[in-house]
Amino acid sequence: MTTPSNHSPSRSDRLRPAEFLALSAAMALFVGFVVLLTTRQVTLAVISLGITFIVVLVVIAMFALGTKPDAAEKSDLDEQNHS
């Protein structure tokens, strides 16, 4: 059984998922708005908004997973593994 470490995640680490969601929502709203103005069909705009939200969120998550940890993150991971 491991004991919880005294290290709590920083504010930027805690807000990162919210940033991903906000960026994805902003892009989805933009695409939905453009589709609505172009086609004047609300249904098509809502569908485009939903698809864009999901696709952008998945792409951002894949980019986040693909980044290599820096020295501070590596030392933090090592510290967590040895606890």
Protein backbone atom coordinates (compact mmCIF):
# COMPACT_ATOMS: atom_id res chain seq x y z
CA MET A 1 0.00 0.00 0.00
CA THR A 2 1.42 3.36 -0.99
CA THR A 3 1.10 6.47 1.06
CA PRO A 4 -0.08 9.68 -0.58
CA SER A 5 2.77 12.06 -1.25
CA ASN A 6 2.82 15.61 0.04
CA HIS A 7 3.15 16.82 -3.52
CA SER A 8 -0.11 18.13 -4.92
CA PRO A 9 -0.50 19.00 -8.60
CA SER A 10 0.13 22.59 -9.56
CA ARG A 11 -2.67 24.86 -10.65
CA SER A 12 -1.67 24.61 -14.30
CA ASP A 13 -1.71 20.80 -14.06
CA ARG A 14 -5.21 20.88 -12.61
CA LEU A 15 -6.52 23.34 -15.21
CA ARG A 16 -5.01 21.57 -18.21
CA PRO A 17 -8.13 19.41 -18.90
CA ALA A 18 -10.32 22.52 -18.67
CA GLU A 19 -8.05 24.26 -21.17
CA PHE A 20 -8.40 21.34 -23.58
CA LEU A 21 -12.18 21.42 -23.25
CA ALA A 22 -12.34 25.20 -23.67
CA LEU A 23 -10.16 25.16 -26.78
CA SER A 24 -12.18 22.34 -28.27
CA ALA A 25 -15.45 24.13 -27.47
CA ALA A 26 -14.21 27.39 -29.00
CA MET A 27 -13.23 25.68 -32.24
CA ALA A 28 -16.51 23.75 -32.33
CA LEU A 29 -18.53 26.94 -31.80
CA PHE A 30 -16.64 28.63 -34.61
CA VAL A 31 -17.30 25.76 -37.03
CA GLY A 32 -20.94 25.51 -35.95
CA PHE A 33 -21.39 29.25 -36.45
CA VAL A 34 -19.79 29.18 -39.90
CA VAL A 35 -21.92 26.21 -40.97
CA LEU A 36 -25.06 27.92 -39.64
CA LEU A 37 -24.32 31.12 -41.53
CA THR A 38 -23.46 29.21 -44.69
CA THR A 39 -26.30 26.69 -44.86
CA ARG A 40 -28.98 28.24 -42.58
CA GLN A 41 -29.71 24.73 -41.30
CA VAL A 42 -29.61 24.49 -37.52
CA THR A 43 -29.50 20.69 -37.52
CA LEU A 44 -26.44 20.58 -39.76
CA ALA A 45 -24.75 23.28 -37.67
CA VAL A 46 -25.35 21.35 -34.42
CA ILE A 47 -24.06 18.12 -35.96
CA SER A 48 -20.96 19.92 -37.26
CA LEU A 49 -20.43 21.49 -33.84
CA GLY A 50 -20.58 18.12 -32.09
CA ILE A 51 -18.30 16.36 -34.55
CA THR A 52 -15.78 19.20 -34.44
CA PHE A 53 -15.78 19.23 -30.63
CA ILE A 54 -15.01 15.52 -30.43
CA VAL A 55 -12.40 15.50 -33.20
CA VAL A 56 -10.52 18.53 -31.85
CA LEU A 57 -10.59 17.13 -28.31
CA VAL A 58 -9.16 13.79 -29.47
CA VAL A 59 -6.45 15.49 -31.58
CA ILE A 60 -5.41 17.76 -28.70
CA ALA A 61 -5.29 14.78 -26.33
CA MET A 62 -3.12 12.84 -28.80
CA PHE A 63 -0.71 15.78 -29.08
CA ALA A 64 -0.58 16.04 -25.28
CA LEU A 65 0.20 12.33 -24.96
CA GLY A 66 2.88 12.61 -27.63
CA THR A 67 4.96 15.24 -25.85
CA LYS A 68 8.09 14.15 -24.03
CA PRO A 69 8.40 15.01 -20.33
CA ASP A 70 10.99 17.62 -19.38
CA ALA A 71 13.56 17.23 -16.60
CA ALA A 72 11.20 18.44 -13.85
CA GLU A 73 8.49 15.99 -14.90
CA LYS A 74 11.00 13.13 -15.07
CA SER A 75 12.26 13.84 -11.55
CA ASP A 76 8.67 14.07 -10.30
CA LEU A 77 7.83 10.72 -11.92
CA ASP A 78 10.93 9.13 -10.40
CA GLU A 79 9.99 10.52 -6.99
CA GLN A 80 6.48 9.10 -7.28
CA ASN A 81 7.79 5.70 -8.35
CA HIS A 82 10.15 5.42 -5.37
CA SER A 83 7.51 6.40 -2.81
